[in-house]
Amino acid sequence: MMKLRTRRALALAGTAVALTIALSGCSAINDILSGGAPQDAERDEETGEVKEDANIDIFALKVGDCKMASASGLIESADVTPCDQPHDEEVYYEFSMPDGEFSETDVDAASQECIGEPFTTFVGVAYDASVLTVYPITPTKDTWDTLNDRIIQCVILEDGVQTTGTLKGAAR
C-alpha cells in the first residue's frame, strides 16, 4: 500500500501537470502579444534575486524565486517577492528533460526527481521525513512542441504556512 504522503505528492504532481497543460496556451498567447519577451521582476545584478514584489510571466520564474501561492484556474504569471518577505512557495530546483516526443507519463515520472536527492540536499532531510510539500511546474504538450520547453521546476512549501527566508537547510 502506497504511503499517504507519496499518494499526496503524486496527486499534487498530477494536479500541477493538469493545470500546466490547461494554462500553456494562455502563456503562449501572452508571449506573442508582449513581443515574445517574458515579463520579469527587477533583480539584483549580482545575486539574481528579486528586489521587489512583481507579477512575472511564468517562463521568467527562476530557481531561488519566492512567490505567493497561485490561485486555482488559469496560471500564466506568478507573483514573486523577495525571499526575506513573507511568501508561500520557493522554487528550489530545476532540470531539463531530454528531447523526444512529449509524453505526459514521462513528465510525471521525471517530476518525481523533485522529491528525491535534490529535495534532501536542499532541505537537509528526506522527503518522507519532512513536513514540507513539493509540486512541479512542468512542460505541456503545447509548450514542448511550440517553445521547446523541457524544464521542470520544483516548488517547495509548507501547507498553510508563510515563510520568511529560504527553506534551504530547514531540516523539517
N, C-alpha and C. Protein backbone atom coordinates (compact mmCIF):
# COMPACT_ATOMS: atom_id res chain seq x y z
N MET A 1 0.84 -1.18 0.00
CA MET A 1 0.00 0.00 0.00
C MET A 1 0.89 1.24 0.00
N MET A 2 0.58 2.15 -0.87
CA MET A 2 1.34 3.38 -1.02
C MET A 2 1.14 4.25 0.22
N LYS A 3 2.22 4.85 0.72
CA LYS A 3 2.10 5.75 1.85
C LYS A 3 1.24 6.94 1.46
N LEU A 4 0.51 7.46 2.42
CA LEU A 4 -0.36 8.61 2.19
C LEU A 4 0.44 9.78 1.64
N ARG A 5 1.63 10.00 2.16
CA ARG A 5 2.49 11.12 1.74
C ARG A 5 2.86 10.97 0.27
N THR A 6 3.19 9.75 -0.15
CA THR A 6 3.57 9.52 -1.55
C THR A 6 2.36 9.73 -2.45
N ARG A 7 1.20 9.22 -2.03
CA ARG A 7 -0.01 9.44 -2.82
C ARG A 7 -0.33 10.92 -2.93
N ARG A 8 -0.13 11.63 -1.86
CA ARG A 8 -0.38 13.07 -1.86
C ARG A 8 0.57 13.78 -2.82
N ALA A 9 1.83 13.39 -2.81
CA ALA A 9 2.81 14.00 -3.71
C ALA A 9 2.45 13.71 -5.16
N LEU A 10 2.03 12.48 -5.44
CA LEU A 10 1.64 12.12 -6.80
C LEU A 10 0.38 12.88 -7.22
N ALA A 11 -0.55 13.04 -6.31
CA ALA A 11 -1.77 13.79 -6.62
C ALA A 11 -1.44 15.26 -6.90
N LEU A 12 -0.55 15.84 -6.10
CA LEU A 12 -0.13 17.22 -6.34
C LEU A 12 0.58 17.35 -7.67
N ALA A 13 1.43 16.38 -7.99
CA ALA A 13 2.15 16.42 -9.27
C ALA A 13 1.16 16.33 -10.43
N GLY A 14 0.19 15.44 -10.32
CA GLY A 14 -0.81 15.29 -11.37
C GLY A 14 -1.64 16.55 -11.54
N THR A 15 -2.01 17.17 -10.43
CA THR A 15 -2.77 18.41 -10.49
C THR A 15 -1.96 19.52 -11.14
N ALA A 16 -0.69 19.61 -10.77
CA ALA A 16 0.18 20.63 -11.36
C ALA A 16 0.33 20.42 -12.85
N VAL A 17 0.48 19.16 -13.28
CA VAL A 17 0.60 18.87 -14.72
C VAL A 17 -0.69 19.26 -15.44
N ALA A 18 -1.82 18.91 -14.86
CA ALA A 18 -3.11 19.26 -15.49
C ALA A 18 -3.28 20.77 -15.60
N LEU A 19 -2.94 21.50 -14.54
CA LEU A 19 -3.04 22.95 -14.58
C LEU A 19 -2.09 23.53 -15.62
N THR A 20 -0.88 22.99 -15.67
CA THR A 20 0.10 23.49 -16.63
C THR A 20 -0.39 23.27 -18.04
N ILE A 21 -0.96 22.10 -18.31
CA ILE A 21 -1.48 21.81 -19.64
C ILE A 21 -2.60 22.79 -20.00
N ALA A 22 -3.48 23.03 -19.05
CA ALA A 22 -4.61 23.93 -19.32
C ALA A 22 -4.16 25.37 -19.54
N LEU A 23 -3.04 25.73 -18.96
CA LEU A 23 -2.62 27.12 -18.99
C LEU A 23 -1.58 27.46 -20.05
N SER A 24 -0.99 26.49 -20.64
CA SER A 24 0.11 26.77 -21.57
C SER A 24 -0.32 27.63 -22.74
N GLY A 25 -1.51 27.44 -23.24
CA GLY A 25 -1.98 28.24 -24.36
C GLY A 25 -2.06 29.71 -24.00
N CYS A 26 -2.47 30.02 -22.78
CA CYS A 26 -2.56 31.42 -22.36
C CYS A 26 -1.19 32.06 -22.29
N SER A 27 -0.19 31.32 -21.79
CA SER A 27 1.16 31.87 -21.72
C SER A 27 1.73 32.09 -23.11
N ALA A 28 1.48 31.17 -24.02
CA ALA A 28 1.97 31.33 -25.38
C ALA A 28 1.35 32.55 -26.03
N ILE A 29 0.05 32.75 -25.83
CA ILE A 29 -0.63 33.93 -26.39
C ILE A 29 -0.06 35.20 -25.75
N ASN A 30 0.16 35.18 -24.44
CA ASN A 30 0.73 36.33 -23.75
C ASN A 30 2.11 36.66 -24.30
N ASP A 31 2.93 35.64 -24.57
CA ASP A 31 4.27 35.87 -25.14
C ASP A 31 4.17 36.52 -26.50
N ILE A 32 3.24 36.06 -27.31
CA ILE A 32 3.07 36.62 -28.65
C ILE A 32 2.64 38.08 -28.55
N LEU A 33 1.66 38.36 -27.68
CA LEU A 33 1.15 39.72 -27.54
C LEU A 33 2.18 40.67 -26.93
N SER A 34 3.07 40.14 -26.10
CA SER A 34 4.08 41.01 -25.48
C SER A 34 5.37 41.04 -26.29
N GLY A 35 5.33 40.55 -27.52
CA GLY A 35 6.51 40.58 -28.37
C GLY A 35 7.47 39.44 -28.09
N GLY A 36 7.05 38.44 -27.34
CA GLY A 36 7.89 37.29 -27.06
C GLY A 36 8.85 37.49 -25.90
N ALA A 37 8.95 38.71 -25.38
CA ALA A 37 9.86 38.97 -24.28
C ALA A 37 9.15 38.70 -22.96
N PRO A 38 9.64 37.75 -22.15
CA PRO A 38 8.99 37.47 -20.88
C PRO A 38 9.06 38.68 -19.96
N GLN A 39 7.99 38.90 -19.25
CA GLN A 39 7.97 39.97 -18.26
C GLN A 39 8.67 39.43 -17.03
N ASP A 40 9.65 40.17 -16.52
CA ASP A 40 10.42 39.70 -15.38
C ASP A 40 10.43 40.75 -14.29
N ALA A 41 10.84 40.35 -13.11
CA ALA A 41 10.96 41.25 -11.97
C ALA A 41 12.28 41.99 -12.02
N GLU A 42 12.36 43.07 -11.28
CA GLU A 42 13.65 43.74 -11.10
C GLU A 42 14.48 42.84 -10.20
N ARG A 43 15.70 42.53 -10.64
CA ARG A 43 16.55 41.58 -9.92
C ARG A 43 17.89 42.23 -9.55
N ASP A 44 18.47 41.76 -8.45
CA ASP A 44 19.80 42.18 -8.04
C ASP A 44 20.79 41.71 -9.10
N GLU A 45 21.64 42.60 -9.58
CA GLU A 45 22.57 42.25 -10.66
C GLU A 45 23.55 41.16 -10.27
N GLU A 46 23.97 41.10 -9.02
CA GLU A 46 24.95 40.11 -8.58
C GLU A 46 24.32 38.76 -8.23
N THR A 47 23.23 38.79 -7.48
CA THR A 47 22.63 37.54 -7.00
C THR A 47 21.50 37.01 -7.86
N GLY A 48 20.88 37.89 -8.65
CA GLY A 48 19.73 37.49 -9.45
C GLY A 48 18.44 37.42 -8.65
N GLU A 49 18.51 37.77 -7.36
CA GLU A 49 17.32 37.71 -6.50
C GLU A 49 16.35 38.83 -6.82
N VAL A 50 15.07 38.54 -6.66
CA VAL A 50 14.02 39.53 -6.86
C VAL A 50 14.20 40.64 -5.83
N LYS A 51 14.13 41.90 -6.30
CA LYS A 51 14.33 43.05 -5.41
C LYS A 51 13.04 43.60 -4.82
N GLU A 52 11.92 43.42 -5.54
CA GLU A 52 10.63 43.91 -5.04
C GLU A 52 9.52 43.05 -5.62
N ASP A 53 8.34 43.14 -5.00
CA ASP A 53 7.19 42.37 -5.46
C ASP A 53 6.94 42.66 -6.94
N ALA A 54 6.61 41.61 -7.68
CA ALA A 54 6.31 41.78 -9.10
C ALA A 54 5.46 40.61 -9.57
N ASN A 55 4.70 40.86 -10.61
CA ASN A 55 3.96 39.81 -11.29
C ASN A 55 4.74 39.53 -12.57
N ILE A 56 5.23 38.29 -12.72
CA ILE A 56 6.08 37.95 -13.85
C ILE A 56 5.46 36.86 -14.70
N ASP A 57 5.88 36.78 -15.94
CA ASP A 57 5.50 35.69 -16.82
C ASP A 57 6.00 34.39 -16.20
N ILE A 58 5.22 33.34 -16.27
CA ILE A 58 5.59 32.06 -15.66
C ILE A 58 6.92 31.54 -16.19
N PHE A 59 7.26 31.88 -17.45
CA PHE A 59 8.52 31.42 -18.03
C PHE A 59 9.71 32.23 -17.53
N ALA A 60 9.49 33.31 -16.78
CA ALA A 60 10.57 34.10 -16.20
C ALA A 60 10.91 33.64 -14.78
N LEU A 61 10.15 32.67 -14.25
CA LEU A 61 10.39 32.16 -12.90
C LEU A 61 11.72 31.42 -12.86
N LYS A 62 12.53 31.67 -11.81
CA LYS A 62 13.87 31.11 -11.71
C LYS A 62 14.06 30.38 -10.38
N VAL A 63 15.04 29.48 -10.35
CA VAL A 63 15.41 28.84 -9.10
C VAL A 63 15.82 29.93 -8.11
N GLY A 64 15.33 29.82 -6.89
CA GLY A 64 15.61 30.82 -5.86
C GLY A 64 14.51 31.84 -5.72
N ASP A 65 13.58 31.88 -6.68
CA ASP A 65 12.46 32.83 -6.58
C ASP A 65 11.49 32.37 -5.51
N CYS A 66 11.03 33.33 -4.71
CA CYS A 66 9.99 33.08 -3.74
C CYS A 66 8.72 33.71 -4.28
N LYS A 67 7.59 33.03 -4.05
CA LYS A 67 6.36 33.51 -4.67
C LYS A 67 5.18 33.26 -3.76
N MET A 68 4.11 33.91 -4.12
CA MET A 68 2.85 33.71 -3.43
C MET A 68 2.13 32.55 -4.12
N ALA A 69 1.31 31.85 -3.39
CA ALA A 69 0.57 30.72 -3.96
C ALA A 69 -0.30 31.21 -5.10
N SER A 70 -0.38 30.41 -6.14
CA SER A 70 -1.20 30.75 -7.30
C SER A 70 -2.65 30.40 -7.01
N ALA A 71 -3.54 31.22 -7.53
CA ALA A 71 -4.95 30.91 -7.43
C ALA A 71 -5.25 29.72 -8.34
N SER A 72 -6.30 29.01 -8.06
CA SER A 72 -6.66 27.91 -8.93
C SER A 72 -7.20 28.48 -10.24
N GLY A 73 -7.13 27.70 -11.26
CA GLY A 73 -7.57 28.16 -12.57
C GLY A 73 -6.38 28.38 -13.48
N LEU A 74 -6.56 29.26 -14.45
CA LEU A 74 -5.50 29.51 -15.42
C LEU A 74 -4.34 30.26 -14.78
N ILE A 75 -3.14 29.76 -15.02
CA ILE A 75 -1.93 30.40 -14.49
C ILE A 75 -1.04 30.77 -15.67
N GLU A 76 -0.82 32.05 -15.84
CA GLU A 76 0.09 32.50 -16.89
C GLU A 76 1.17 33.39 -16.33
N SER A 77 1.07 33.68 -15.03
CA SER A 77 2.05 34.53 -14.38
C SER A 77 2.22 34.07 -12.94
N ALA A 78 3.24 34.65 -12.29
CA ALA A 78 3.49 34.33 -10.89
C ALA A 78 3.78 35.62 -10.14
N ASP A 79 3.27 35.71 -8.92
CA ASP A 79 3.56 36.85 -8.05
C ASP A 79 4.80 36.50 -7.23
N VAL A 80 5.93 37.12 -7.57
CA VAL A 80 7.17 36.87 -6.85
C VAL A 80 7.42 37.98 -5.85
N THR A 81 8.21 37.67 -4.84
CA THR A 81 8.54 38.62 -3.79
C THR A 81 9.95 38.33 -3.31
N PRO A 82 10.65 39.30 -2.75
CA PRO A 82 11.96 38.99 -2.16
C PRO A 82 11.79 37.91 -1.09
N CYS A 83 12.73 37.00 -1.02
CA CYS A 83 12.60 35.88 -0.08
C CYS A 83 12.67 36.30 1.38
N ASP A 84 13.16 37.53 1.67
CA ASP A 84 13.17 37.98 3.06
C ASP A 84 11.82 38.56 3.48
N GLN A 85 10.85 38.52 2.57
CA GLN A 85 9.47 38.92 2.86
C GLN A 85 8.61 37.65 3.01
N PRO A 86 7.51 37.70 3.75
CA PRO A 86 6.65 36.52 3.87
C PRO A 86 6.18 36.06 2.48
N HIS A 87 6.26 34.75 2.25
CA HIS A 87 5.86 34.16 0.98
C HIS A 87 5.36 32.74 1.23
N ASP A 88 4.71 32.18 0.21
CA ASP A 88 4.11 30.86 0.33
C ASP A 88 4.99 29.74 -0.21
N GLU A 89 5.75 30.02 -1.28
CA GLU A 89 6.45 28.97 -2.02
C GLU A 89 7.82 29.46 -2.47
N GLU A 90 8.69 28.49 -2.78
CA GLU A 90 10.04 28.80 -3.27
C GLU A 90 10.42 27.79 -4.35
N VAL A 91 10.96 28.27 -5.44
CA VAL A 91 11.47 27.39 -6.49
C VAL A 91 12.88 26.98 -6.06
N TYR A 92 13.09 25.68 -5.79
CA TYR A 92 14.37 25.26 -5.24
C TYR A 92 15.24 24.44 -6.18
N TYR A 93 14.68 23.97 -7.28
CA TYR A 93 15.46 23.11 -8.17
C TYR A 93 14.78 23.07 -9.53
N GLU A 94 15.59 22.92 -10.57
CA GLU A 94 15.04 22.70 -11.89
C GLU A 94 15.98 21.83 -12.69
N PHE A 95 15.41 21.15 -13.66
CA PHE A 95 16.21 20.31 -14.55
C PHE A 95 15.50 20.21 -15.88
N SER A 96 16.24 19.78 -16.89
CA SER A 96 15.69 19.65 -18.24
C SER A 96 15.45 18.19 -18.58
N MET A 97 14.36 17.95 -19.27
CA MET A 97 14.07 16.62 -19.79
C MET A 97 14.76 16.50 -21.15
N PRO A 98 15.09 15.28 -21.54
CA PRO A 98 15.72 15.09 -22.85
C PRO A 98 14.73 15.35 -23.98
N ASP A 99 15.27 15.71 -25.14
CA ASP A 99 14.43 15.89 -26.32
C ASP A 99 13.75 14.57 -26.68
N GLY A 100 12.74 14.65 -27.48
CA GLY A 100 11.97 13.49 -27.91
C GLY A 100 10.51 13.89 -27.98
N GLU A 101 9.67 12.90 -28.19
CA GLU A 101 8.24 13.14 -28.23
C GLU A 101 7.72 13.43 -26.82
N PHE A 102 6.75 14.33 -26.74
CA PHE A 102 6.13 14.64 -25.45
C PHE A 102 5.37 13.43 -24.94
N SER A 103 5.52 13.15 -23.66
CA SER A 103 4.79 12.07 -23.01
C SER A 103 4.43 12.53 -21.61
N GLU A 104 3.14 12.63 -21.34
CA GLU A 104 2.70 13.02 -20.01
C GLU A 104 3.20 12.03 -18.96
N THR A 105 3.25 10.76 -19.31
CA THR A 105 3.75 9.72 -18.40
C THR A 105 5.22 9.98 -18.07
N ASP A 106 6.01 10.32 -19.10
CA ASP A 106 7.43 10.61 -18.87
C ASP A 106 7.61 11.87 -18.03
N VAL A 107 6.80 12.89 -18.27
CA VAL A 107 6.88 14.12 -17.48
C VAL A 107 6.53 13.83 -16.02
N ASP A 108 5.46 13.06 -15.79
CA ASP A 108 5.08 12.69 -14.43
C ASP A 108 6.20 11.92 -13.74
N ALA A 109 6.80 10.97 -14.45
CA ALA A 109 7.89 10.16 -13.87
C ALA A 109 9.10 11.03 -13.56
N ALA A 110 9.45 11.91 -14.48
CA ALA A 110 10.60 12.80 -14.26
C ALA A 110 10.36 13.73 -13.08
N SER A 111 9.11 14.15 -12.90
CA SER A 111 8.77 15.07 -11.81
C SER A 111 9.07 14.48 -10.43
N GLN A 112 9.15 13.17 -10.35
CA GLN A 112 9.45 12.52 -9.07
C GLN A 112 10.86 12.87 -8.58
N GLU A 113 11.72 13.37 -9.50
CA GLU A 113 13.05 13.82 -9.09
C GLU A 113 12.95 14.93 -8.04
N CYS A 114 11.86 15.70 -8.07
CA CYS A 114 11.67 16.80 -7.13
C CYS A 114 11.67 16.32 -5.67
N ILE A 115 11.25 15.09 -5.42
CA ILE A 115 11.19 14.60 -4.04
C ILE A 115 12.33 13.64 -3.73
N GLY A 116 13.33 13.59 -4.60
CA GLY A 116 14.49 12.73 -4.40
C GLY A 116 15.65 13.49 -3.80
N GLU A 117 16.84 13.19 -4.32
CA GLU A 117 18.09 13.78 -3.82
C GLU A 117 18.08 15.31 -3.81
N PRO A 118 17.55 15.98 -4.85
CA PRO A 118 17.53 17.45 -4.80
C PRO A 118 16.78 17.99 -3.56
N PHE A 119 15.69 17.34 -3.18
CA PHE A 119 14.93 17.75 -2.00
C PHE A 119 15.79 17.55 -0.75
N THR A 120 16.36 16.36 -0.62
CA THR A 120 17.17 16.03 0.56
C THR A 120 18.34 16.99 0.69
N THR A 121 19.00 17.27 -0.42
CA THR A 121 20.14 18.19 -0.40
C THR A 121 19.70 19.60 -0.01
N PHE A 122 18.57 20.05 -0.54
CA PHE A 122 18.10 21.41 -0.27
C PHE A 122 17.60 21.56 1.16
N VAL A 123 16.76 20.65 1.61
CA VAL A 123 16.10 20.78 2.92
C VAL A 123 16.97 20.25 4.06
N GLY A 124 17.70 19.17 3.80
CA GLY A 124 18.53 18.58 4.84
C GLY A 124 17.96 17.32 5.45
N VAL A 125 16.76 16.95 5.03
CA VAL A 125 16.14 15.67 5.43
C VAL A 125 15.42 15.11 4.21
N ALA A 126 15.19 13.82 4.23
CA ALA A 126 14.48 13.17 3.11
C ALA A 126 13.03 13.62 3.08
N TYR A 127 12.44 13.56 1.90
CA TYR A 127 11.05 13.99 1.72
C TYR A 127 10.10 13.26 2.66
N ASP A 128 10.26 11.96 2.81
CA ASP A 128 9.37 11.17 3.67
C ASP A 128 9.45 11.58 5.14
N ALA A 129 10.56 12.21 5.55
CA ALA A 129 10.73 12.62 6.94
C ALA A 129 10.40 14.10 7.13
N SER A 130 9.97 14.77 6.08
CA SER A 130 9.76 16.21 6.12
C SER A 130 8.28 16.57 6.25
N VAL A 131 8.01 17.75 6.79
CA VAL A 131 6.65 18.30 6.84
C VAL A 131 6.38 19.16 5.61
N LEU A 132 7.40 19.38 4.79
CA LEU A 132 7.26 20.24 3.62
C LEU A 132 6.66 19.48 2.44
N THR A 133 6.05 20.22 1.55
CA THR A 133 5.38 19.67 0.37
C THR A 133 6.06 20.23 -0.88
N VAL A 134 5.95 19.47 -1.95
CA VAL A 134 6.57 19.85 -3.22
C VAL A 134 5.55 19.67 -4.34
N TYR A 135 5.63 20.55 -5.33
CA TYR A 135 4.92 20.30 -6.58
C TYR A 135 5.80 20.76 -7.74
N PRO A 136 5.63 20.16 -8.91
CA PRO A 136 6.43 20.55 -10.06
C PRO A 136 5.68 21.50 -10.99
N ILE A 137 6.42 22.37 -11.64
CA ILE A 137 5.91 23.14 -12.78
C ILE A 137 6.54 22.47 -13.99
N THR A 138 5.70 21.98 -14.88
CA THR A 138 6.18 21.11 -15.96
C THR A 138 5.81 21.62 -17.34
N PRO A 139 6.53 21.12 -18.35
CA PRO A 139 6.13 21.44 -19.73
C PRO A 139 4.78 20.80 -20.04
N THR A 140 4.09 21.38 -21.00
CA THR A 140 2.87 20.79 -21.52
C THR A 140 3.15 20.36 -22.95
N LYS A 141 2.26 19.66 -23.55
CA LYS A 141 2.45 19.26 -24.94
C LYS A 141 2.62 20.51 -25.82
N ASP A 142 1.82 21.52 -25.56
CA ASP A 142 1.89 22.75 -26.35
C ASP A 142 3.25 23.45 -26.18
N THR A 143 3.69 23.64 -24.92
CA THR A 143 4.97 24.33 -24.71
C THR A 143 6.14 23.47 -25.17
N TRP A 144 6.01 22.16 -25.04
CA TRP A 144 7.03 21.22 -25.51
C TRP A 144 7.22 21.36 -27.02
N ASP A 145 6.08 21.35 -27.73
CA ASP A 145 6.12 21.36 -29.20
C ASP A 145 6.43 22.75 -29.78
N THR A 146 5.85 23.80 -29.21
CA THR A 146 5.99 25.11 -29.82
C THR A 146 7.12 25.95 -29.25
N LEU A 147 7.47 25.75 -27.98
CA LEU A 147 8.50 26.57 -27.34
C LEU A 147 9.75 25.78 -26.95
N ASN A 148 9.80 24.50 -27.33
CA ASN A 148 10.92 23.63 -26.99
C ASN A 148 11.15 23.61 -25.46
N ASP A 149 10.08 23.66 -24.71
CA ASP A 149 10.12 23.70 -23.24
C ASP A 149 10.40 22.30 -22.71
N ARG A 150 11.51 22.14 -22.02
CA ARG A 150 11.88 20.85 -21.43
C ARG A 150 12.15 20.98 -19.93
N ILE A 151 11.91 22.16 -19.37
CA ILE A 151 12.28 22.45 -17.98
C ILE A 151 11.18 22.00 -17.00
N ILE A 152 11.61 21.32 -15.95
CA ILE A 152 10.74 21.02 -14.81
C ILE A 152 11.31 21.80 -13.64
N GLN A 153 10.46 22.62 -13.01
CA GLN A 153 10.86 23.36 -11.82
C GLN A 153 10.17 22.75 -10.60
N CYS A 154 10.92 22.63 -9.52
CA CYS A 154 10.41 22.06 -8.28
C CYS A 154 10.14 23.19 -7.29
N VAL A 155 8.93 23.21 -6.77
CA VAL A 155 8.49 24.27 -5.86
C VAL A 155 8.21 23.64 -4.50
N ILE A 156 8.72 24.29 -3.46
CA ILE A 156 8.59 23.77 -2.10
C ILE A 156 7.74 24.73 -1.26
N LEU A 157 6.99 24.16 -0.32
CA LEU A 157 6.15 24.96 0.56
C LEU A 157 5.80 24.16 1.80
N GLU A 158 5.30 24.87 2.79
CA GLU A 158 4.72 24.22 3.96
C GLU A 158 3.25 24.58 3.95
N ASP A 159 2.39 23.58 3.79
CA ASP A 159 0.95 23.82 3.64
C ASP A 159 0.42 24.77 4.70
N GLY A 160 -0.21 25.86 4.22
CA GLY A 160 -0.87 26.80 5.10
C GLY A 160 0.04 27.69 5.92
N VAL A 161 1.35 27.67 5.63
CA VAL A 161 2.30 28.45 6.42
C VAL A 161 3.10 29.36 5.50
N GLN A 162 3.16 30.64 5.81
CA GLN A 162 4.05 31.53 5.07
C GLN A 162 5.44 31.46 5.69
N THR A 163 6.43 31.58 4.84
CA THR A 163 7.83 31.51 5.25
C THR A 163 8.48 32.86 5.02
N THR A 164 9.41 33.21 5.87
CA THR A 164 10.27 34.37 5.63
C THR A 164 11.68 33.81 5.53
N GLY A 165 12.35 34.07 4.43
CA GLY A 165 13.66 33.47 4.17
C GLY A 165 13.49 32.20 3.37
N THR A 166 14.59 31.55 3.11
CA THR A 166 14.58 30.33 2.32
C THR A 166 14.30 29.11 3.19
N LEU A 167 13.83 28.05 2.56
CA LEU A 167 13.67 26.77 3.26
C LEU A 167 14.92 25.90 3.13
N LYS A 168 15.94 26.44 2.49
CA LYS A 168 17.20 25.70 2.36
C LYS A 168 17.76 25.42 3.75
N GLY A 169 18.02 24.14 4.01
CA GLY A 169 18.56 23.74 5.31
C GLY A 169 17.54 23.73 6.44
N ALA A 170 16.25 23.83 6.11
CA ALA A 170 15.20 23.87 7.14
C ALA A 170 15.18 22.62 8.01
N ALA A 171 15.58 21.48 7.46
CA ALA A 171 15.65 20.21 8.19
C ALA A 171 14.35 19.87 8.92
N ARG A 172 13.26 20.14 8.26
CA ARG A 172 11.96 19.77 8.87
C ARG A 172 11.03 19.21 7.83
